[in-house]
N, C-alpha and C. Protein backbone atom coordinates (compact mmCIF):
# COMPACT_ATOMS: atom_id res chain seq x y z
N MET A 1 0.83 -1.20 0.00
CA MET A 1 0.00 0.00 0.00
C MET A 1 0.87 1.25 0.00
N LYS A 2 1.92 1.25 0.85
CA LYS A 2 2.81 2.41 0.92
C LYS A 2 3.50 2.65 -0.42
N ILE A 3 3.85 1.53 -1.09
CA ILE A 3 4.51 1.65 -2.39
C ILE A 3 3.57 2.28 -3.40
N ILE A 4 2.30 1.85 -3.38
CA ILE A 4 1.31 2.38 -4.31
C ILE A 4 1.10 3.86 -4.08
N ILE A 5 0.96 4.24 -2.79
CA ILE A 5 0.76 5.65 -2.44
C ILE A 5 1.96 6.48 -2.87
N ALA A 6 3.15 5.94 -2.64
CA ALA A 6 4.37 6.66 -3.02
C ALA A 6 4.45 6.84 -4.53
N THR A 7 4.06 5.79 -5.25
CA THR A 7 4.07 5.86 -6.72
C THR A 7 3.10 6.92 -7.22
N ILE A 8 1.90 6.93 -6.63
CA ILE A 8 0.89 7.93 -7.01
C ILE A 8 1.40 9.34 -6.73
N ALA A 9 2.05 9.48 -5.58
CA ALA A 9 2.59 10.80 -5.20
C ALA A 9 3.64 11.26 -6.20
N VAL A 10 4.51 10.34 -6.61
CA VAL A 10 5.54 10.68 -7.58
C VAL A 10 4.92 11.10 -8.91
N LEU A 11 3.91 10.32 -9.35
CA LEU A 11 3.23 10.64 -10.60
C LEU A 11 2.56 12.00 -10.52
N PHE A 12 1.94 12.30 -9.37
CA PHE A 12 1.25 13.58 -9.19
C PHE A 12 2.25 14.73 -9.26
N ILE A 13 3.37 14.55 -8.57
CA ILE A 13 4.40 15.59 -8.57
C ILE A 13 4.97 15.79 -9.97
N THR A 14 5.20 14.66 -10.66
CA THR A 14 5.74 14.73 -12.02
C THR A 14 4.79 15.45 -12.96
N CYS A 15 3.49 15.09 -12.87
CA CYS A 15 2.49 15.73 -13.72
C CYS A 15 2.35 17.21 -13.40
N SER A 16 2.39 17.52 -12.10
CA SER A 16 2.27 18.92 -11.70
C SER A 16 3.45 19.74 -12.21
N ALA A 17 4.64 19.15 -12.08
CA ALA A 17 5.85 19.84 -12.55
C ALA A 17 5.81 20.02 -14.06
N SER A 18 5.33 18.96 -14.77
CA SER A 18 5.24 19.04 -16.22
C SER A 18 4.25 20.11 -16.64
N SER A 19 3.11 20.15 -15.96
CA SER A 19 2.09 21.16 -16.26
C SER A 19 2.62 22.56 -16.00
N GLN A 20 3.34 22.70 -14.90
CA GLN A 20 3.91 24.01 -14.56
C GLN A 20 4.94 24.43 -15.61
N THR A 21 5.75 23.47 -16.06
CA THR A 21 6.77 23.77 -17.07
C THR A 21 6.12 24.22 -18.38
N MET A 22 5.05 23.52 -18.78
CA MET A 22 4.35 23.90 -20.01
C MET A 22 3.74 25.29 -19.90
N GLU A 23 3.18 25.58 -18.72
CA GLU A 23 2.59 26.90 -18.50
C GLU A 23 3.67 27.99 -18.57
N GLU A 24 4.81 27.69 -17.96
CA GLU A 24 5.92 28.65 -17.99
C GLU A 24 6.42 28.85 -19.42
N ASN A 25 6.53 27.74 -20.16
CA ASN A 25 6.98 27.84 -21.55
C ASN A 25 6.00 28.65 -22.38
N PHE A 26 4.70 28.46 -22.12
CA PHE A 26 3.70 29.21 -22.87
C PHE A 26 3.80 30.70 -22.58
N GLU A 27 3.91 31.05 -21.31
CA GLU A 27 4.02 32.47 -20.94
C GLU A 27 5.31 33.08 -21.48
N ASN A 28 6.40 32.31 -21.41
CA ASN A 28 7.67 32.79 -21.96
C ASN A 28 7.59 32.94 -23.48
N GLY A 29 6.87 31.99 -24.11
CA GLY A 29 6.69 32.07 -25.55
C GLY A 29 5.91 33.30 -25.96
N LYS A 30 4.83 33.58 -25.23
CA LYS A 30 4.04 34.78 -25.52
C LYS A 30 4.86 36.05 -25.31
N LYS A 31 5.61 36.07 -24.20
CA LYS A 31 6.44 37.24 -23.91
C LYS A 31 7.45 37.47 -25.02
N SER A 32 8.08 36.40 -25.46
CA SER A 32 9.06 36.51 -26.55
C SER A 32 8.39 36.96 -27.85
N PHE A 33 7.21 36.42 -28.11
CA PHE A 33 6.49 36.77 -29.33
C PHE A 33 6.19 38.26 -29.38
N TYR A 34 5.65 38.78 -28.29
CA TYR A 34 5.28 40.19 -28.27
C TYR A 34 6.48 41.13 -28.09
N SER A 35 7.65 40.51 -27.86
CA SER A 35 8.89 41.28 -27.85
C SER A 35 9.62 41.17 -29.18
N ASP A 36 8.94 40.54 -30.15
CA ASP A 36 9.49 40.34 -31.50
C ASP A 36 10.69 39.40 -31.54
N ASP A 37 10.85 38.58 -30.50
CA ASP A 37 11.90 37.57 -30.51
C ASP A 37 11.25 36.25 -30.93
N PHE A 38 11.02 36.11 -32.22
CA PHE A 38 10.22 35.01 -32.72
C PHE A 38 10.94 33.66 -32.65
N ASP A 39 12.26 33.68 -32.78
CA ASP A 39 13.01 32.43 -32.66
C ASP A 39 12.87 31.85 -31.25
N ALA A 40 13.00 32.71 -30.25
CA ALA A 40 12.84 32.26 -28.87
C ALA A 40 11.42 31.79 -28.62
N ALA A 41 10.45 32.53 -29.13
CA ALA A 41 9.05 32.16 -28.96
C ALA A 41 8.78 30.78 -29.56
N ASN A 42 9.30 30.57 -30.76
CA ASN A 42 9.09 29.29 -31.43
C ASN A 42 9.71 28.15 -30.63
N LYS A 43 10.85 28.40 -30.03
CA LYS A 43 11.52 27.38 -29.21
C LYS A 43 10.66 27.00 -28.01
N PHE A 44 10.11 28.01 -27.32
CA PHE A 44 9.27 27.72 -26.16
C PHE A 44 8.02 26.94 -26.56
N PHE A 45 7.40 27.33 -27.66
CA PHE A 45 6.18 26.65 -28.09
C PHE A 45 6.48 25.23 -28.55
N MET A 46 7.63 25.03 -29.19
CA MET A 46 8.02 23.68 -29.61
C MET A 46 8.24 22.78 -28.41
N GLU A 47 8.79 23.32 -27.34
CA GLU A 47 9.00 22.52 -26.12
C GLU A 47 7.67 22.03 -25.56
N ILE A 48 6.64 22.86 -25.67
CA ILE A 48 5.32 22.44 -25.21
C ILE A 48 4.82 21.28 -26.05
N LEU A 49 4.90 21.41 -27.36
CA LEU A 49 4.40 20.36 -28.25
C LEU A 49 5.23 19.09 -28.14
N ASN A 50 6.52 19.24 -27.94
CA ASN A 50 7.39 18.07 -27.79
C ASN A 50 7.14 17.32 -26.49
N SER A 51 6.57 18.00 -25.50
CA SER A 51 6.27 17.35 -24.22
C SER A 51 4.80 16.94 -24.16
N GLU A 52 4.22 16.73 -25.34
CA GLU A 52 2.84 16.24 -25.49
C GLU A 52 1.79 17.25 -25.07
N GLY A 53 2.20 18.51 -24.99
CA GLY A 53 1.20 19.55 -24.79
C GLY A 53 0.51 19.81 -26.12
N ASP A 54 -0.79 19.93 -26.12
CA ASP A 54 -1.52 20.05 -27.38
C ASP A 54 -2.57 21.15 -27.28
N ASP A 55 -2.18 22.28 -26.75
CA ASP A 55 -3.10 23.38 -26.53
C ASP A 55 -3.34 24.16 -27.82
N TYR A 56 -4.57 24.55 -28.06
CA TYR A 56 -4.89 25.25 -29.31
C TYR A 56 -4.17 26.58 -29.43
N LEU A 57 -3.94 27.26 -28.30
CA LEU A 57 -3.25 28.54 -28.36
C LEU A 57 -1.79 28.39 -28.76
N THR A 58 -1.18 27.28 -28.36
CA THR A 58 0.21 27.03 -28.76
C THR A 58 0.30 26.90 -30.28
N HIS A 59 -0.62 26.13 -30.86
CA HIS A 59 -0.64 25.99 -32.32
C HIS A 59 -0.93 27.34 -32.98
N TYR A 60 -1.79 28.12 -32.37
CA TYR A 60 -2.14 29.43 -32.93
C TYR A 60 -0.91 30.34 -33.01
N TYR A 61 -0.18 30.43 -31.90
CA TYR A 61 1.00 31.30 -31.91
C TYR A 61 2.07 30.79 -32.86
N LYS A 62 2.21 29.47 -32.97
CA LYS A 62 3.16 28.94 -33.94
C LYS A 62 2.73 29.31 -35.36
N GLY A 63 1.42 29.30 -35.59
CA GLY A 63 0.92 29.72 -36.89
C GLY A 63 1.27 31.17 -37.20
N LEU A 64 1.16 32.03 -36.19
CA LEU A 64 1.52 33.44 -36.37
C LEU A 64 3.01 33.59 -36.67
N ILE A 65 3.82 32.81 -35.98
CA ILE A 65 5.27 32.88 -36.20
C ILE A 65 5.62 32.46 -37.62
N TYR A 66 5.03 31.36 -38.08
CA TYR A 66 5.31 30.91 -39.45
C TYR A 66 4.83 31.93 -40.48
N GLU A 67 3.74 32.62 -40.17
CA GLU A 67 3.28 33.68 -41.08
C GLU A 67 4.33 34.79 -41.17
N ILE A 68 4.89 35.15 -40.03
CA ILE A 68 5.94 36.18 -40.00
C ILE A 68 7.17 35.71 -40.79
N TYR A 69 7.43 34.40 -40.75
CA TYR A 69 8.55 33.83 -41.51
C TYR A 69 8.19 33.60 -42.98
N PHE A 70 6.99 34.00 -43.40
CA PHE A 70 6.51 33.84 -44.78
C PHE A 70 6.40 32.38 -45.19
N ASP A 71 6.17 31.50 -44.22
CA ASP A 71 5.95 30.09 -44.53
C ASP A 71 4.45 29.83 -44.43
N ASN A 72 3.75 30.11 -45.52
CA ASN A 72 2.29 30.03 -45.50
C ASN A 72 1.78 28.62 -45.25
N GLU A 73 2.46 27.63 -45.81
CA GLU A 73 2.00 26.25 -45.66
C GLU A 73 2.02 25.81 -44.19
N LYS A 74 3.13 26.07 -43.52
CA LYS A 74 3.23 25.69 -42.11
C LYS A 74 2.28 26.53 -41.25
N SER A 75 2.13 27.79 -41.61
CA SER A 75 1.21 28.65 -40.86
C SER A 75 -0.21 28.12 -40.97
N LEU A 76 -0.62 27.75 -42.18
CA LEU A 76 -1.96 27.19 -42.38
C LEU A 76 -2.15 25.91 -41.59
N ASN A 77 -1.12 25.07 -41.58
CA ASN A 77 -1.20 23.81 -40.83
C ASN A 77 -1.40 24.06 -39.34
N GLU A 78 -0.64 25.00 -38.78
CA GLU A 78 -0.74 25.28 -37.35
C GLU A 78 -2.08 25.93 -37.00
N LEU A 79 -2.52 26.86 -37.83
CA LEU A 79 -3.81 27.50 -37.57
C LEU A 79 -4.95 26.50 -37.69
N SER A 80 -4.83 25.57 -38.64
CA SER A 80 -5.84 24.52 -38.77
C SER A 80 -5.83 23.61 -37.55
N SER A 81 -4.65 23.34 -37.01
CA SER A 81 -4.55 22.54 -35.78
C SER A 81 -5.21 23.26 -34.62
N ALA A 82 -5.03 24.57 -34.55
CA ALA A 82 -5.68 25.36 -33.49
C ALA A 82 -7.20 25.27 -33.62
N ILE A 83 -7.69 25.38 -34.85
CA ILE A 83 -9.13 25.32 -35.10
C ILE A 83 -9.68 23.93 -34.81
N ASP A 84 -8.91 22.89 -35.16
CA ASP A 84 -9.33 21.52 -34.87
C ASP A 84 -9.55 21.31 -33.38
N ARG A 85 -8.76 22.00 -32.57
CA ARG A 85 -8.84 21.83 -31.11
C ARG A 85 -9.83 22.80 -30.47
N ASN A 86 -10.20 23.84 -31.21
CA ASN A 86 -11.20 24.79 -30.71
C ASN A 86 -11.89 25.43 -31.91
N ASN A 87 -12.99 24.83 -32.33
CA ASN A 87 -13.65 25.31 -33.55
C ASN A 87 -14.49 26.56 -33.34
N LYS A 88 -14.39 27.17 -32.17
CA LYS A 88 -15.04 28.46 -31.90
C LYS A 88 -14.01 29.59 -31.83
N PHE A 89 -12.78 29.30 -32.21
CA PHE A 89 -11.69 30.25 -32.07
C PHE A 89 -11.66 31.19 -33.28
N GLY A 90 -12.43 32.27 -33.20
CA GLY A 90 -12.60 33.17 -34.33
C GLY A 90 -11.32 33.80 -34.83
N GLU A 91 -10.41 34.12 -33.92
CA GLU A 91 -9.15 34.76 -34.31
C GLU A 91 -8.35 33.87 -35.25
N ALA A 92 -8.38 32.56 -35.01
CA ALA A 92 -7.64 31.63 -35.87
C ALA A 92 -8.27 31.57 -37.26
N TYR A 93 -9.60 31.59 -37.32
CA TYR A 93 -10.27 31.62 -38.62
C TYR A 93 -9.88 32.87 -39.39
N PHE A 94 -9.84 34.00 -38.68
CA PHE A 94 -9.49 35.26 -39.35
C PHE A 94 -8.07 35.20 -39.91
N LYS A 95 -7.13 34.74 -39.10
CA LYS A 95 -5.74 34.67 -39.55
C LYS A 95 -5.58 33.69 -40.71
N ARG A 96 -6.27 32.54 -40.59
CA ARG A 96 -6.17 31.56 -41.68
C ARG A 96 -6.80 32.12 -42.95
N GLY A 97 -7.92 32.84 -42.79
CA GLY A 97 -8.55 33.46 -43.94
C GLY A 97 -7.64 34.45 -44.63
N ALA A 98 -6.89 35.23 -43.84
CA ALA A 98 -5.98 36.22 -44.42
C ALA A 98 -4.88 35.54 -45.23
N ILE A 99 -4.39 34.40 -44.74
CA ILE A 99 -3.35 33.68 -45.48
C ILE A 99 -3.93 33.05 -46.74
N LEU A 100 -5.12 32.47 -46.63
CA LEU A 100 -5.77 31.91 -47.81
C LEU A 100 -6.01 32.99 -48.86
N GLU A 101 -6.36 34.18 -48.41
CA GLU A 101 -6.54 35.30 -49.34
C GLU A 101 -5.23 35.62 -50.05
N LYS A 102 -4.14 35.66 -49.30
CA LYS A 102 -2.83 35.97 -49.90
C LYS A 102 -2.41 34.92 -50.91
N THR A 103 -2.80 33.67 -50.66
CA THR A 103 -2.39 32.58 -51.55
C THR A 103 -3.38 32.36 -52.69
N GLY A 104 -4.40 33.20 -52.77
CA GLY A 104 -5.32 33.15 -53.91
C GLY A 104 -6.53 32.26 -53.74
N ASP A 105 -6.75 31.73 -52.54
CA ASP A 105 -7.92 30.88 -52.29
C ASP A 105 -9.07 31.76 -51.82
N THR A 106 -9.74 32.39 -52.78
CA THR A 106 -10.80 33.34 -52.44
C THR A 106 -11.95 32.68 -51.71
N ALA A 107 -12.40 31.54 -52.21
CA ALA A 107 -13.54 30.85 -51.58
C ALA A 107 -13.21 30.43 -50.16
N GLY A 108 -12.00 29.90 -49.96
CA GLY A 108 -11.58 29.49 -48.62
C GLY A 108 -11.47 30.67 -47.68
N ALA A 109 -10.96 31.79 -48.20
CA ALA A 109 -10.82 32.99 -47.38
C ALA A 109 -12.18 33.53 -46.97
N ILE A 110 -13.12 33.60 -47.91
CA ILE A 110 -14.47 34.07 -47.59
C ILE A 110 -15.11 33.19 -46.53
N SER A 111 -14.92 31.88 -46.68
CA SER A 111 -15.47 30.94 -45.70
C SER A 111 -14.90 31.19 -44.30
N ASP A 112 -13.59 31.39 -44.23
CA ASP A 112 -12.96 31.61 -42.92
C ASP A 112 -13.34 32.96 -42.32
N TYR A 113 -13.42 33.99 -43.15
CA TYR A 113 -13.86 35.29 -42.62
C TYR A 113 -15.29 35.20 -42.09
N THR A 114 -16.12 34.42 -42.77
CA THR A 114 -17.49 34.23 -42.31
C THR A 114 -17.52 33.56 -40.95
N LYS A 115 -16.66 32.56 -40.78
CA LYS A 115 -16.59 31.86 -39.49
C LYS A 115 -16.01 32.76 -38.41
N ALA A 116 -15.07 33.61 -38.79
CA ALA A 116 -14.51 34.57 -37.82
C ALA A 116 -15.60 35.51 -37.34
N ILE A 117 -16.41 36.00 -38.27
CA ILE A 117 -17.51 36.90 -37.92
C ILE A 117 -18.50 36.18 -37.02
N LYS A 118 -18.83 34.95 -37.39
CA LYS A 118 -19.79 34.16 -36.62
C LYS A 118 -19.32 33.97 -35.18
N ASN A 119 -18.01 33.84 -35.01
CA ASN A 119 -17.45 33.59 -33.68
C ASN A 119 -16.96 34.86 -32.99
N GLY A 120 -17.30 36.01 -33.56
CA GLY A 120 -17.15 37.28 -32.86
C GLY A 120 -15.76 37.85 -32.73
N GLU A 121 -14.82 37.38 -33.55
CA GLU A 121 -13.46 37.89 -33.45
C GLU A 121 -13.10 38.72 -34.69
N LYS A 122 -12.42 39.82 -34.46
CA LYS A 122 -11.93 40.67 -35.55
C LYS A 122 -13.06 41.04 -36.51
N THR A 123 -14.22 41.33 -36.00
CA THR A 123 -15.37 41.50 -36.88
C THR A 123 -15.20 42.66 -37.86
N SER A 124 -14.64 43.77 -37.43
CA SER A 124 -14.46 44.91 -38.34
C SER A 124 -13.53 44.55 -39.49
N ASP A 125 -12.38 43.98 -39.16
CA ASP A 125 -11.43 43.59 -40.20
C ASP A 125 -11.97 42.45 -41.06
N ALA A 126 -12.67 41.52 -40.43
CA ALA A 126 -13.21 40.39 -41.19
C ALA A 126 -14.28 40.86 -42.18
N TYR A 127 -15.15 41.77 -41.73
CA TYR A 127 -16.15 42.33 -42.65
C TYR A 127 -15.46 43.05 -43.81
N PHE A 128 -14.44 43.84 -43.50
CA PHE A 128 -13.74 44.58 -44.55
C PHE A 128 -13.07 43.62 -45.53
N ASN A 129 -12.35 42.63 -45.00
CA ASN A 129 -11.63 41.70 -45.88
C ASN A 129 -12.59 40.91 -46.75
N ARG A 130 -13.71 40.47 -46.13
CA ARG A 130 -14.68 39.72 -46.92
C ARG A 130 -15.32 40.61 -47.98
N ALA A 131 -15.60 41.86 -47.60
CA ALA A 131 -16.16 42.81 -48.57
C ALA A 131 -15.23 43.01 -49.75
N SER A 132 -13.93 43.12 -49.49
CA SER A 132 -12.95 43.31 -50.56
C SER A 132 -12.97 42.14 -51.54
N LEU A 133 -13.12 40.94 -50.99
CA LEU A 133 -13.16 39.76 -51.85
C LEU A 133 -14.46 39.71 -52.65
N TYR A 134 -15.57 40.03 -51.99
CA TYR A 134 -16.84 40.09 -52.73
C TYR A 134 -16.77 41.13 -53.84
N GLN A 135 -16.14 42.26 -53.54
CA GLN A 135 -15.99 43.32 -54.54
C GLN A 135 -15.15 42.81 -55.72
N ALA A 136 -14.10 42.07 -55.42
CA ALA A 136 -13.19 41.58 -56.46
C ALA A 136 -13.87 40.57 -57.39
N ILE A 137 -14.83 39.80 -56.85
CA ILE A 137 -15.48 38.78 -57.68
C ILE A 137 -16.83 39.26 -58.22
N GLY A 138 -17.12 40.55 -58.03
CA GLY A 138 -18.32 41.13 -58.62
C GLY A 138 -19.60 40.96 -57.82
N GLU A 139 -19.49 40.55 -56.56
CA GLU A 139 -20.67 40.41 -55.70
C GLU A 139 -20.92 41.75 -55.00
N SER A 140 -21.41 42.71 -55.76
CA SER A 140 -21.49 44.09 -55.28
C SER A 140 -22.40 44.26 -54.07
N GLU A 141 -23.57 43.66 -54.08
CA GLU A 141 -24.50 43.83 -52.97
C GLU A 141 -23.94 43.27 -51.67
N LYS A 142 -23.32 42.10 -51.76
CA LYS A 142 -22.70 41.51 -50.57
C LYS A 142 -21.55 42.39 -50.08
N ALA A 143 -20.80 42.94 -51.02
CA ALA A 143 -19.68 43.80 -50.65
C ALA A 143 -20.18 45.06 -49.95
N ILE A 144 -21.22 45.68 -50.49
CA ILE A 144 -21.78 46.89 -49.87
C ILE A 144 -22.27 46.58 -48.46
N LYS A 145 -22.94 45.47 -48.31
CA LYS A 145 -23.45 45.08 -46.99
C LYS A 145 -22.31 44.91 -45.99
N ASP A 146 -21.22 44.27 -46.43
CA ASP A 146 -20.09 44.05 -45.52
C ASP A 146 -19.34 45.34 -45.22
N TYR A 147 -19.18 46.21 -46.21
CA TYR A 147 -18.54 47.50 -45.93
C TYR A 147 -19.37 48.30 -44.94
N THR A 148 -20.69 48.20 -45.07
CA THR A 148 -21.57 48.89 -44.12
C THR A 148 -21.36 48.35 -42.71
N SER A 149 -21.23 47.03 -42.59
CA SER A 149 -20.98 46.42 -41.28
C SER A 149 -19.62 46.83 -40.73
N ALA A 150 -18.62 46.90 -41.61
CA ALA A 150 -17.28 47.32 -41.19
C ALA A 150 -17.31 48.75 -40.67
N ILE A 151 -18.06 49.61 -41.34
CA ILE A 151 -18.17 51.01 -40.92
C ILE A 151 -18.87 51.12 -39.57
N LYS A 152 -19.88 50.29 -39.36
CA LYS A 152 -20.57 50.29 -38.07
C LYS A 152 -19.62 49.90 -36.95
N GLN A 153 -18.76 48.94 -37.23
CA GLN A 153 -17.78 48.50 -36.24
C GLN A 153 -16.69 49.55 -36.03
N ASN A 154 -16.33 50.23 -37.12
CA ASN A 154 -15.25 51.23 -37.06
C ASN A 154 -15.63 52.44 -37.92
N PRO A 155 -16.32 53.41 -37.34
CA PRO A 155 -16.79 54.58 -38.10
C PRO A 155 -15.68 55.43 -38.72
N MET A 156 -14.44 55.20 -38.32
CA MET A 156 -13.31 55.96 -38.88
C MET A 156 -12.62 55.21 -40.02
N ASP A 157 -13.28 54.20 -40.55
CA ASP A 157 -12.70 53.38 -41.61
C ASP A 157 -12.92 54.07 -42.96
N ASP A 158 -12.04 54.98 -43.31
CA ASP A 158 -12.19 55.75 -44.54
C ASP A 158 -12.11 54.88 -45.80
N ILE A 159 -11.34 53.80 -45.74
CA ILE A 159 -11.20 52.95 -46.93
C ILE A 159 -12.52 52.23 -47.23
N SER A 160 -13.25 51.85 -46.19
CA SER A 160 -14.56 51.22 -46.42
C SER A 160 -15.52 52.21 -47.06
N TYR A 161 -15.49 53.46 -46.61
CA TYR A 161 -16.32 54.48 -47.25
C TYR A 161 -15.93 54.63 -48.73
N TYR A 162 -14.64 54.69 -48.98
CA TYR A 162 -14.15 54.86 -50.35
C TYR A 162 -14.58 53.69 -51.23
N ASN A 163 -14.34 52.47 -50.76
CA ASN A 163 -14.68 51.29 -51.56
C ASN A 163 -16.18 51.17 -51.78
N ARG A 164 -16.95 51.45 -50.73
CA ARG A 164 -18.41 51.38 -50.88
C ARG A 164 -18.87 52.46 -51.87
N GLY A 165 -18.24 53.62 -51.80
CA GLY A 165 -18.56 54.69 -52.74
C GLY A 165 -18.33 54.27 -54.18
N LEU A 166 -17.22 53.58 -54.44
CA LEU A 166 -16.94 53.10 -55.79
C LEU A 166 -18.01 52.13 -56.27
N LEU A 167 -18.47 51.29 -55.35
CA LEU A 167 -19.53 50.34 -55.72
C LEU A 167 -20.83 51.07 -56.05
N TYR A 168 -21.12 52.12 -55.29
CA TYR A 168 -22.30 52.92 -55.60
C TYR A 168 -22.17 53.59 -56.97
N VAL A 169 -20.97 54.05 -57.30
CA VAL A 169 -20.73 54.64 -58.62
C VAL A 169 -21.04 53.62 -59.71
N GLN A 170 -20.57 52.39 -59.53
CA GLN A 170 -20.82 51.33 -60.50
C GLN A 170 -22.31 51.08 -60.68
N GLN A 171 -23.06 51.26 -59.60
CA GLN A 171 -24.51 51.04 -59.66
C GLN A 171 -25.27 52.28 -60.13
N GLY A 172 -24.55 53.37 -60.35
CA GLY A 172 -25.19 54.60 -60.78
C GLY A 172 -25.84 55.39 -59.66
N ASP A 173 -25.54 55.01 -58.44
CA ASP A 173 -26.12 55.69 -57.27
C ASP A 173 -25.15 56.79 -56.81
N MET A 174 -25.16 57.91 -57.52
CA MET A 174 -24.19 58.96 -57.24
C MET A 174 -24.46 59.70 -55.94
N GLU A 175 -25.71 59.68 -55.49
CA GLU A 175 -26.02 60.36 -54.23
C GLU A 175 -25.33 59.67 -53.05
N ASN A 176 -25.48 58.35 -52.98
CA ASN A 176 -24.81 57.61 -51.90
C ASN A 176 -23.30 57.59 -52.09
N ALA A 177 -22.86 57.54 -53.34
CA ALA A 177 -21.42 57.57 -53.61
C ALA A 177 -20.82 58.87 -53.10
N ARG A 178 -21.48 59.97 -53.41
CA ARG A 178 -20.98 61.28 -52.97
C ARG A 178 -20.91 61.35 -51.45
N ALA A 179 -21.94 60.85 -50.79
CA ALA A 179 -21.96 60.86 -49.32
C ALA A 179 -20.79 60.07 -48.75
N ASP A 180 -20.51 58.91 -49.36
CA ASP A 180 -19.40 58.09 -48.88
C ASP A 180 -18.05 58.76 -49.15
N PHE A 181 -17.89 59.36 -50.31
CA PHE A 181 -16.63 60.02 -50.63
C PHE A 181 -16.38 61.22 -49.71
N LEU A 182 -17.44 61.95 -49.41
CA LEU A 182 -17.29 63.08 -48.48
C LEU A 182 -16.93 62.59 -47.08
N ALA A 183 -17.51 61.45 -46.70
CA ALA A 183 -17.18 60.87 -45.39
C ALA A 183 -15.72 60.45 -45.34
N ALA A 184 -15.23 59.85 -46.44
CA ALA A 184 -13.82 59.44 -46.50
C ALA A 184 -12.90 60.65 -46.38
N ILE A 185 -13.25 61.73 -47.07
CA ILE A 185 -12.44 62.95 -47.03
C ILE A 185 -12.47 63.57 -45.64
N GLU A 186 -13.63 63.52 -45.00
CA GLU A 186 -13.75 64.07 -43.65
C GLU A 186 -12.80 63.36 -42.68
N ILE A 187 -12.63 62.06 -42.90
CA ILE A 187 -11.74 61.27 -42.04
C ILE A 187 -10.28 61.51 -42.41
N ASP A 188 -10.01 61.57 -43.71
CA ASP A 188 -8.63 61.74 -44.18
C ASP A 188 -8.62 62.63 -45.43
N LYS A 189 -8.09 63.82 -45.29
CA LYS A 189 -8.07 64.80 -46.38
C LYS A 189 -7.27 64.32 -47.59
N ALA A 190 -6.46 63.30 -47.39
CA ALA A 190 -5.66 62.79 -48.50
C ALA A 190 -6.53 62.26 -49.65
N TRP A 191 -7.79 61.94 -49.36
CA TRP A 191 -8.68 61.43 -50.40
C TRP A 191 -9.18 62.54 -51.33
N GLU A 192 -9.03 63.78 -50.93
CA GLU A 192 -9.67 64.89 -51.64
C GLU A 192 -9.29 64.94 -53.12
N LYS A 193 -8.01 64.83 -53.41
CA LYS A 193 -7.55 64.90 -54.80
C LYS A 193 -8.06 63.71 -55.60
N GLU A 194 -8.02 62.53 -55.00
CA GLU A 194 -8.46 61.31 -55.68
C GLU A 194 -9.95 61.36 -56.02
N LEU A 195 -10.74 61.94 -55.13
CA LEU A 195 -12.19 61.88 -55.27
C LEU A 195 -12.81 63.11 -55.91
N LYS A 196 -11.99 64.07 -56.24
CA LYS A 196 -12.49 65.32 -56.82
C LYS A 196 -13.31 65.07 -58.09
N LYS A 197 -12.88 64.11 -58.89
CA LYS A 197 -13.56 63.83 -60.17
C LYS A 197 -14.98 63.32 -59.95
N TYR A 198 -15.21 62.66 -58.80
CA TYR A 198 -16.55 62.16 -58.52
C TYR A 198 -17.44 63.22 -57.89
N LEU A 199 -16.84 64.15 -57.20
CA LEU A 199 -17.62 65.14 -56.45
C LEU A 199 -18.04 66.32 -57.32
N GLY A 200 -17.34 66.52 -58.43
CA GLY A 200 -17.70 67.61 -59.33
C GLY A 200 -17.39 68.97 -58.77
N ASP A 201 -16.48 69.04 -57.79
CA ASP A 201 -16.11 70.33 -57.20
C ASP A 201 -14.93 70.92 -57.96
N ASN A 202 -14.89 72.20 -58.03
CA ASN A 202 -13.78 72.88 -58.68
C ASN A 202 -12.66 73.16 -57.69
C-alpha cells in the first residue's frame, strides 16, 4: 500500500511539474512573441508540443510565427490545428482566412472570414476583408453590406467608405457615392484629390 501511495505521489508531482513547465513555456513564448523575438518564442512553443502539450493557443501562436517567416503552408497547418482543437476560435479563422486570401484561395478565405464573424473575433477587419473579396469577384450587394458592417464596427474606416462609394458609382447611385466620398475625405483629407472627379467640385 505504501509503495502504491508513493508511486501515485511521484506521478502527481511529475504531472504537476510538467504542467507548470508547459505553462511557464507558454508564458515565456508569448512574452518573446510580443517582444518580436520570434526564434525564442518558437523554441518555447516547440518545447510544449514536444512534451505532449496540445493546446490550441500554442498551435495558434506557432501559426503566427510561421506567417511572419513567410511560410504560408506551415502557418496554415498550425492555424488549422488550433481550429481543430477549438472550432469556436474566431481569431484563428481570421488569420487563416488572411493567409488563404494571400495565396489566392478566395472561396476558402471568404469561408474563414465568415466563421470569424460568426465567432465574434476581428469583426471589423473580417467584414472589410470579406467585402474586398466580394468586390473583387463582382458580388457588389454583398460587398456593400459588408462595408456597411465594417463602418458600423469602425466609423473611422475611410477605406470602407471609399470602396463602398466606388460600388455605388458602378450602380449609378451617385447620391450615396458622394456621401461616402465626403465621409472618406472628412476622415482623411488625402482622399480629396483622388475623389475630386466624382464630387464635381472645382
